[in-house]
Full PDB file with SEQRES, HELIX, SHEET, SSBOND, CRYST1, ORIGX, SCALE, CONECT and MASTER records, all heavy atoms in Angstrom:
SEQRES   1 A   31  SER VAL LEU GLY ARG ALA SER HIS VAL TYR LEU TYR LEU          
SEQRES   2 A   31  GLY ILE ASP TYR ALA VAL VAL ALA SER PRO LEU GLY GLY          
SEQRES   3 A   31  ARG HIS VAL THR ILE                                          
SHEET    1 AA1 3 VAL A   2  ARG A   5  0                                        
SHEET    2 AA1 3 HIS A   8  TYR A  12 -1                                        
SHEET    3 AA1 3 VAL A  19  VAL A  20 -1                                        
CRYST1    1.000    1.000    1.000  90.00  90.00  90.00 P 1           1          
ORIGX1      1.000000  0.000000  0.000000        0.00000                         
ORIGX2      0.000000  1.000000  0.000000        0.00000                         
ORIGX3      0.000000  0.000000  1.000000        0.00000                         
SCALE1      1.000000  0.000000  0.000000        0.00000                         
SCALE2      0.000000  1.000000  0.000000        0.00000                         
SCALE3      0.000000  0.000000  1.000000        0.00000                         
ATOM      1  N   SER A   1      -2.194  21.208  19.693  1.00  0.00           N  
ATOM      2  CA  SER A   1      -2.121  22.681  19.832  1.00  0.00           C  
ATOM      3  C   SER A   1      -2.927  23.394  18.888  1.00  0.00           C  
ATOM      4  O   SER A   1      -3.328  22.875  17.862  1.00  0.00           O  
ATOM      5  CB  SER A   1      -0.611  23.097  19.580  1.00  0.00           C  
ATOM      6  OG  SER A   1       0.292  22.627  20.520  1.00  0.00           O  
ATOM      7  N   VAL A   2      -3.333  24.577  19.188  1.00  0.00           N  
ATOM      8  CA  VAL A   2      -4.075  25.436  18.231  1.00  0.00           C  
ATOM      9  C   VAL A   2      -3.175  26.407  17.494  1.00  0.00           C  
ATOM     10  O   VAL A   2      -2.181  26.932  18.094  1.00  0.00           O  
ATOM     11  CB  VAL A   2      -5.164  26.238  19.012  1.00  0.00           C  
ATOM     12  CG1 VAL A   2      -5.916  27.262  18.097  1.00  0.00           C  
ATOM     13  CG2 VAL A   2      -6.199  25.284  19.654  1.00  0.00           C  
ATOM     14  N   LEU A   3      -3.411  26.516  16.193  1.00  0.00           N  
ATOM     15  CA  LEU A   3      -2.554  27.511  15.469  1.00  0.00           C  
ATOM     16  C   LEU A   3      -3.498  28.215  14.503  1.00  0.00           C  
ATOM     17  O   LEU A   3      -4.526  27.713  14.076  1.00  0.00           O  
ATOM     18  CB  LEU A   3      -1.385  26.752  14.678  1.00  0.00           C  
ATOM     19  CG  LEU A   3      -1.767  25.776  13.600  1.00  0.00           C  
ATOM     20  CD1 LEU A   3      -0.618  25.720  12.518  1.00  0.00           C  
ATOM     21  CD2 LEU A   3      -2.039  24.395  14.109  1.00  0.00           C  
ATOM     22  N   GLY A   4      -2.996  29.308  14.031  1.00  0.00           N  
ATOM     23  CA  GLY A   4      -3.831  30.119  13.115  1.00  0.00           C  
ATOM     24  C   GLY A   4      -3.315  31.490  12.913  1.00  0.00           C  
ATOM     25  O   GLY A   4      -2.199  31.864  13.214  1.00  0.00           O  
ATOM     26  N   ARG A   5      -4.223  32.311  12.448  1.00  0.00           N  
ATOM     27  CA  ARG A   5      -3.973  33.779  12.215  1.00  0.00           C  
ATOM     28  C   ARG A   5      -5.245  34.495  12.532  1.00  0.00           C  
ATOM     29  O   ARG A   5      -6.210  33.898  13.014  1.00  0.00           O  
ATOM     30  CB  ARG A   5      -3.568  33.959  10.711  1.00  0.00           C  
ATOM     31  CG  ARG A   5      -4.542  33.322   9.730  1.00  0.00           C  
ATOM     32  CD  ARG A   5      -3.971  33.265   8.302  1.00  0.00           C  
ATOM     33  NE  ARG A   5      -4.913  32.792   7.306  1.00  0.00           N  
ATOM     34  CZ  ARG A   5      -5.207  31.486   7.207  1.00  0.00           C  
ATOM     35  NH1 ARG A   5      -4.518  30.600   7.862  1.00  0.00           N  
ATOM     36  NH2 ARG A   5      -6.079  31.151   6.221  1.00  0.00           N  
ATOM     37  N   ALA A   6      -5.263  35.759  12.186  1.00  0.00           N  
ATOM     38  CA  ALA A   6      -6.383  36.653  12.625  1.00  0.00           C  
ATOM     39  C   ALA A   6      -7.763  36.130  12.099  1.00  0.00           C  
ATOM     40  O   ALA A   6      -8.775  36.390  12.720  1.00  0.00           O  
ATOM     41  CB  ALA A   6      -6.186  38.071  12.208  1.00  0.00           C  
ATOM     42  N   SER A   7      -7.814  35.430  10.986  1.00  0.00           N  
ATOM     43  CA  SER A   7      -9.006  35.060  10.310  1.00  0.00           C  
ATOM     44  C   SER A   7      -9.397  33.592  10.434  1.00  0.00           C  
ATOM     45  O   SER A   7     -10.533  33.177  10.056  1.00  0.00           O  
ATOM     46  CB  SER A   7      -8.921  35.412   8.815  1.00  0.00           C  
ATOM     47  OG  SER A   7      -7.909  34.754   8.100  1.00  0.00           O  
ATOM     48  N   HIS A   8      -8.496  32.793  10.939  1.00  0.00           N  
ATOM     49  CA  HIS A   8      -8.746  31.326  10.945  1.00  0.00           C  
ATOM     50  C   HIS A   8      -7.888  30.607  11.950  1.00  0.00           C  
ATOM     51  O   HIS A   8      -6.748  30.956  12.233  1.00  0.00           O  
ATOM     52  CB  HIS A   8      -8.422  30.814   9.476  1.00  0.00           C  
ATOM     53  CG  HIS A   8      -8.999  29.424   9.197  1.00  0.00           C  
ATOM     54  ND1 HIS A   8     -10.234  29.017   9.623  1.00  0.00           N  
ATOM     55  CD2 HIS A   8      -8.411  28.377   8.623  1.00  0.00           C  
ATOM     56  CE1 HIS A   8     -10.397  27.751   9.217  1.00  0.00           C  
ATOM     57  NE2 HIS A   8      -9.320  27.330   8.641  1.00  0.00           N  
ATOM     58  N   VAL A   9      -8.369  29.504  12.484  1.00  0.00           N  
ATOM     59  CA  VAL A   9      -7.711  28.622  13.426  1.00  0.00           C  
ATOM     60  C   VAL A   9      -7.775  27.177  13.019  1.00  0.00           C  
ATOM     61  O   VAL A   9      -8.779  26.821  12.392  1.00  0.00           O  
ATOM     62  CB  VAL A   9      -8.039  28.773  14.855  1.00  0.00           C  
ATOM     63  CG1 VAL A   9      -7.532  30.078  15.475  1.00  0.00           C  
ATOM     64  CG2 VAL A   9      -9.621  28.733  15.011  1.00  0.00           C  
ATOM     65  N   TYR A  10      -6.715  26.413  13.388  1.00  0.00           N  
ATOM     66  CA  TYR A  10      -6.749  24.937  13.141  1.00  0.00           C  
ATOM     67  C   TYR A  10      -6.385  24.160  14.434  1.00  0.00           C  
ATOM     68  O   TYR A  10      -5.782  24.751  15.311  1.00  0.00           O  
ATOM     69  CB  TYR A  10      -5.655  24.586  12.117  1.00  0.00           C  
ATOM     70  CG  TYR A  10      -5.550  25.488  10.904  1.00  0.00           C  
ATOM     71  CD1 TYR A  10      -4.728  26.615  10.930  1.00  0.00           C  
ATOM     72  CD2 TYR A  10      -6.152  25.146   9.677  1.00  0.00           C  
ATOM     73  CE1 TYR A  10      -4.593  27.444   9.877  1.00  0.00           C  
ATOM     74  CE2 TYR A  10      -5.960  25.914   8.543  1.00  0.00           C  
ATOM     75  CZ  TYR A  10      -5.180  27.091   8.596  1.00  0.00           C  
ATOM     76  OH  TYR A  10      -5.005  27.910   7.503  1.00  0.00           O  
ATOM     77  N   LEU A  11      -6.590  22.894  14.440  1.00  0.00           N  
ATOM     78  CA  LEU A  11      -6.123  21.979  15.436  1.00  0.00           C  
ATOM     79  C   LEU A  11      -4.950  21.239  14.882  1.00  0.00           C  
ATOM     80  O   LEU A  11      -5.094  20.498  13.834  1.00  0.00           O  
ATOM     81  CB  LEU A  11      -7.273  21.072  15.894  1.00  0.00           C  
ATOM     82  CG  LEU A  11      -6.992  20.247  17.138  1.00  0.00           C  
ATOM     83  CD1 LEU A  11      -6.895  21.134  18.352  1.00  0.00           C  
ATOM     84  CD2 LEU A  11      -8.112  19.222  17.369  1.00  0.00           C  
ATOM     85  N   TYR A  12      -3.798  21.332  15.466  1.00  0.00           N  
ATOM     86  CA  TYR A  12      -2.542  20.801  14.965  1.00  0.00           C  
ATOM     87  C   TYR A  12      -2.543  19.261  15.174  1.00  0.00           C  
ATOM     88  O   TYR A  12      -2.920  18.777  16.274  1.00  0.00           O  
ATOM     89  CB  TYR A  12      -1.388  21.431  15.626  1.00  0.00           C  
ATOM     90  CG  TYR A  12      -0.001  21.053  15.162  1.00  0.00           C  
ATOM     91  CD1 TYR A  12       0.323  20.924  13.804  1.00  0.00           C  
ATOM     92  CD2 TYR A  12       0.981  20.770  16.134  1.00  0.00           C  
ATOM     93  CE1 TYR A  12       1.580  20.595  13.403  1.00  0.00           C  
ATOM     94  CE2 TYR A  12       2.267  20.487  15.674  1.00  0.00           C  
ATOM     95  CZ  TYR A  12       2.571  20.341  14.367  1.00  0.00           C  
ATOM     96  OH  TYR A  12       3.847  19.995  13.917  1.00  0.00           O  
ATOM     97  N   LEU A  13      -2.112  18.532  14.145  1.00  0.00           N  
ATOM     98  CA  LEU A  13      -1.984  17.123  14.317  1.00  0.00           C  
ATOM     99  C   LEU A  13      -0.629  16.609  14.668  1.00  0.00           C  
ATOM    100  O   LEU A  13      -0.422  15.331  14.853  1.00  0.00           O  
ATOM    101  CB  LEU A  13      -2.426  16.377  12.977  1.00  0.00           C  
ATOM    102  CG  LEU A  13      -3.938  16.546  12.654  1.00  0.00           C  
ATOM    103  CD1 LEU A  13      -4.270  15.998  11.221  1.00  0.00           C  
ATOM    104  CD2 LEU A  13      -4.772  16.004  13.753  1.00  0.00           C  
ATOM    105  N   GLY A  14       0.320  17.476  14.881  1.00  0.00           N  
ATOM    106  CA  GLY A  14       1.576  17.040  15.462  1.00  0.00           C  
ATOM    107  C   GLY A  14       2.819  17.080  14.542  1.00  0.00           C  
ATOM    108  O   GLY A  14       3.875  17.152  15.086  1.00  0.00           O  
ATOM    109  N   ILE A  15       2.690  16.983  13.259  1.00  0.00           N  
ATOM    110  CA  ILE A  15       3.838  16.999  12.372  1.00  0.00           C  
ATOM    111  C   ILE A  15       3.451  17.660  11.073  1.00  0.00           C  
ATOM    112  O   ILE A  15       2.310  17.718  10.598  1.00  0.00           O  
ATOM    113  CB  ILE A  15       4.346  15.602  12.035  1.00  0.00           C  
ATOM    114  CG1 ILE A  15       3.302  14.725  11.279  1.00  0.00           C  
ATOM    115  CG2 ILE A  15       4.732  14.840  13.249  1.00  0.00           C  
ATOM    116  CD1 ILE A  15       3.857  13.378  10.704  1.00  0.00           C  
ATOM    117  N   ASP A  16       4.493  18.232  10.379  1.00  0.00           N  
ATOM    118  CA  ASP A  16       4.469  18.721   9.011  1.00  0.00           C  
ATOM    119  C   ASP A  16       3.279  19.549   8.667  1.00  0.00           C  
ATOM    120  O   ASP A  16       2.729  19.608   7.571  1.00  0.00           O  
ATOM    121  CB  ASP A  16       4.354  17.484   8.056  1.00  0.00           C  
ATOM    122  CG  ASP A  16       5.564  16.659   8.168  1.00  0.00           C  
ATOM    123  OD1 ASP A  16       6.585  17.095   8.800  1.00  0.00           O  
ATOM    124  OD2 ASP A  16       5.495  15.483   7.738  1.00  0.00           O  
ATOM    125  N   TYR A  17       2.824  20.488   9.646  1.00  0.00           N  
ATOM    126  CA  TYR A  17       1.775  21.453   9.461  1.00  0.00           C  
ATOM    127  C   TYR A  17       0.454  20.739   9.029  1.00  0.00           C  
ATOM    128  O   TYR A  17      -0.388  21.286   8.352  1.00  0.00           O  
ATOM    129  CB  TYR A  17       2.110  22.463   8.413  1.00  0.00           C  
ATOM    130  CG  TYR A  17       3.177  23.447   8.739  1.00  0.00           C  
ATOM    131  CD1 TYR A  17       4.548  23.186   8.577  1.00  0.00           C  
ATOM    132  CD2 TYR A  17       2.844  24.624   9.497  1.00  0.00           C  
ATOM    133  CE1 TYR A  17       5.505  24.061   8.997  1.00  0.00           C  
ATOM    134  CE2 TYR A  17       3.823  25.527   9.935  1.00  0.00           C  
ATOM    135  CZ  TYR A  17       5.179  25.211   9.703  1.00  0.00           C  
ATOM    136  OH  TYR A  17       6.132  26.085  10.123  1.00  0.00           O  
ATOM    137  N   ALA A  18       0.327  19.478   9.514  1.00  0.00           N  
ATOM    138  CA  ALA A  18      -0.978  18.714   9.281  1.00  0.00           C  
ATOM    139  C   ALA A  18      -1.932  19.233  10.323  1.00  0.00           C  
ATOM    140  O   ALA A  18      -1.594  19.387  11.522  1.00  0.00           O  
ATOM    141  CB  ALA A  18      -0.757  17.264   9.375  1.00  0.00           C  
ATOM    142  N   VAL A  19      -3.203  19.497   9.886  1.00  0.00           N  
ATOM    143  CA  VAL A  19      -4.202  20.057  10.790  1.00  0.00           C  
ATOM    144  C   VAL A  19      -5.603  19.486  10.475  1.00  0.00           C  
ATOM    145  O   VAL A  19      -5.809  18.905   9.401  1.00  0.00           O  
ATOM    146  CB  VAL A  19      -4.344  21.588  10.635  1.00  0.00           C  
ATOM    147  CG1 VAL A  19      -3.064  22.355  11.077  1.00  0.00           C  
ATOM    148  CG2 VAL A  19      -4.704  21.974   9.166  1.00  0.00           C  
ATOM    149  N   VAL A  20      -6.437  19.551  11.466  1.00  0.00           N  
ATOM    150  CA  VAL A  20      -7.871  19.316  11.235  1.00  0.00           C  
ATOM    151  C   VAL A  20      -8.621  20.532  11.567  1.00  0.00           C  
ATOM    152  O   VAL A  20      -8.312  21.224  12.562  1.00  0.00           O  
ATOM    153  CB  VAL A  20      -8.368  18.112  12.056  1.00  0.00           C  
ATOM    154  CG1 VAL A  20      -8.162  18.302  13.593  1.00  0.00           C  
ATOM    155  CG2 VAL A  20      -9.950  17.926  11.783  1.00  0.00           C  
ATOM    156  N   ALA A  21      -9.533  20.970  10.703  1.00  0.00           N  
ATOM    157  CA  ALA A  21     -10.193  22.205  10.897  1.00  0.00           C  
ATOM    158  C   ALA A  21     -11.581  22.369  10.150  1.00  0.00           C  
ATOM    159  O   ALA A  21     -11.823  21.533   9.220  1.00  0.00           O  
ATOM    160  CB  ALA A  21      -9.287  23.353  10.340  1.00  0.00           C  
ATOM    161  N   SER A  22     -12.348  23.296  10.558  1.00  0.00           N  
ATOM    162  CA  SER A  22     -13.560  23.622   9.763  1.00  0.00           C  
ATOM    163  C   SER A  22     -13.174  24.763   8.901  1.00  0.00           C  
ATOM    164  O   SER A  22     -13.066  25.943   9.389  1.00  0.00           O  
ATOM    165  CB  SER A  22     -14.709  23.995  10.741  1.00  0.00           C  
ATOM    166  OG  SER A  22     -15.947  24.106  10.061  1.00  0.00           O  
ATOM    167  N   PRO A  23     -12.972  24.563   7.616  1.00  0.00           N  
ATOM    168  CA  PRO A  23     -12.343  25.597   6.795  1.00  0.00           C  
ATOM    169  C   PRO A  23     -13.284  26.718   6.381  1.00  0.00           C  
ATOM    170  O   PRO A  23     -14.450  26.648   6.385  1.00  0.00           O  
ATOM    171  CB  PRO A  23     -11.952  24.789   5.565  1.00  0.00           C  
ATOM    172  CG  PRO A  23     -12.961  23.737   5.438  1.00  0.00           C  
ATOM    173  CD  PRO A  23     -13.340  23.335   6.914  1.00  0.00           C  
ATOM    174  N   LEU A  24     -12.626  27.856   6.095  1.00  0.00           N  
ATOM    175  CA  LEU A  24     -13.286  28.982   5.510  1.00  0.00           C  
ATOM    176  C   LEU A  24     -13.835  28.615   4.150  1.00  0.00           C  
ATOM    177  O   LEU A  24     -13.307  27.723   3.442  1.00  0.00           O  
ATOM    178  CB  LEU A  24     -12.394  30.189   5.329  1.00  0.00           C  
ATOM    179  CG  LEU A  24     -11.778  30.726   6.539  1.00  0.00           C  
ATOM    180  CD1 LEU A  24     -10.661  31.736   6.211  1.00  0.00           C  
ATOM    181  CD2 LEU A  24     -12.803  31.325   7.501  1.00  0.00           C  
ATOM    182  N   GLY A  25     -14.904  29.144   3.715  1.00  0.00           N  
ATOM    183  CA  GLY A  25     -15.564  28.866   2.414  1.00  0.00           C  
ATOM    184  C   GLY A  25     -16.714  28.024   2.480  1.00  0.00           C  
ATOM    185  O   GLY A  25     -17.307  27.540   1.459  1.00  0.00           O  
ATOM    186  N   GLY A  26     -17.155  27.672   3.749  1.00  0.00           N  
ATOM    187  CA  GLY A  26     -18.456  26.981   3.941  1.00  0.00           C  
ATOM    188  C   GLY A  26     -18.469  25.548   3.452  1.00  0.00           C  
ATOM    189  O   GLY A  26     -19.425  25.067   2.984  1.00  0.00           O  
ATOM    190  N   ARG A  27     -17.343  24.803   3.637  1.00  0.00           N  
ATOM    191  CA  ARG A  27     -17.271  23.413   3.247  1.00  0.00           C  
ATOM    192  C   ARG A  27     -17.575  22.514   4.378  1.00  0.00           C  
ATOM    193  O   ARG A  27     -18.522  22.693   5.098  1.00  0.00           O  
ATOM    194  CB  ARG A  27     -15.942  23.107   2.548  1.00  0.00           C  
ATOM    195  CG  ARG A  27     -15.806  23.871   1.253  1.00  0.00           C  
ATOM    196  CD  ARG A  27     -14.566  23.575   0.433  1.00  0.00           C  
ATOM    197  NE  ARG A  27     -13.438  24.191   1.167  1.00  0.00           N  
ATOM    198  CZ  ARG A  27     -12.165  24.090   0.690  1.00  0.00           C  
ATOM    199  NH1 ARG A  27     -11.918  23.361  -0.394  1.00  0.00           N  
ATOM    200  NH2 ARG A  27     -11.180  24.635   1.356  1.00  0.00           N  
ATOM    201  N   HIS A  28     -16.639  21.567   4.722  1.00  0.00           N  
ATOM    202  CA  HIS A  28     -16.923  20.747   5.828  1.00  0.00           C  
ATOM    203  C   HIS A  28     -15.538  20.442   6.649  1.00  0.00           C  
ATOM    204  O   HIS A  28     -14.477  20.731   6.109  1.00  0.00           O  
ATOM    205  CB  HIS A  28     -17.457  19.342   5.401  1.00  0.00           C  
ATOM    206  CG  HIS A  28     -16.556  18.598   4.532  1.00  0.00           C  
ATOM    207  ND1 HIS A  28     -16.715  18.552   3.161  1.00  0.00           N  
ATOM    208  CD2 HIS A  28     -15.488  17.780   4.790  1.00  0.00           C  
ATOM    209  CE1 HIS A  28     -15.752  17.782   2.641  1.00  0.00           C  
ATOM    210  NE2 HIS A  28     -15.032  17.291   3.532  1.00  0.00           N  
ATOM    211  N   VAL A  29     -15.683  20.026   7.928  1.00  0.00           N  
ATOM    212  CA  VAL A  29     -14.564  19.764   8.738  1.00  0.00           C  
ATOM    213  C   VAL A  29     -13.644  18.699   8.027  1.00  0.00           C  
ATOM    214  O   VAL A  29     -14.187  17.670   7.568  1.00  0.00           O  
ATOM    215  CB  VAL A  29     -14.863  19.192  10.072  1.00  0.00           C  
ATOM    216  CG1 VAL A  29     -13.671  18.769  10.861  1.00  0.00           C  
ATOM    217  CG2 VAL A  29     -15.706  20.262  10.819  1.00  0.00           C  
ATOM    218  N   THR A  30     -12.379  19.034   7.844  1.00  0.00           N  
ATOM    219  CA  THR A  30     -11.529  18.105   7.065  1.00  0.00           C  
ATOM    220  C   THR A  30     -10.054  18.194   7.614  1.00  0.00           C  
ATOM    221  O   THR A  30      -9.750  19.019   8.479  1.00  0.00           O  
ATOM    222  CB  THR A  30     -11.495  18.446   5.593  1.00  0.00           C  
ATOM    223  OG1 THR A  30     -10.886  17.367   4.883  1.00  0.00           O  
ATOM    224  CG2 THR A  30     -10.820  19.771   5.316  1.00  0.00           C  
ATOM    225  N   ILE A  31      -9.243  17.259   7.122  1.00  0.00           N  
ATOM    226  CA  ILE A  31      -7.776  17.320   7.470  1.00  0.00           C  
ATOM    227  C   ILE A  31      -7.026  17.873   6.233  1.00  0.00           C  
ATOM    228  O   ILE A  31      -7.425  17.548   5.135  1.00  0.00           O  
ATOM    229  CB  ILE A  31      -7.243  15.929   7.916  1.00  0.00           C  
ATOM    230  CG1 ILE A  31      -7.495  14.856   6.815  1.00  0.00           C  
ATOM    231  CG2 ILE A  31      -7.852  15.607   9.204  1.00  0.00           C  
ATOM    232  CD1 ILE A  31      -6.922  13.579   7.195  1.00  0.00           C  
TER     233      ILE A  31                                                      
MASTER        0    0    0    0    3    0    0    6  232    1    0    3          
END                                                                             
């Protein structure tokens, strides 16, 4: 599932608000 807010979105990994995303701040795709 996709989750997020007005400024950012994540890909949900299924439990405990764990996500994979390309984060704000110019870093790298991470979990």
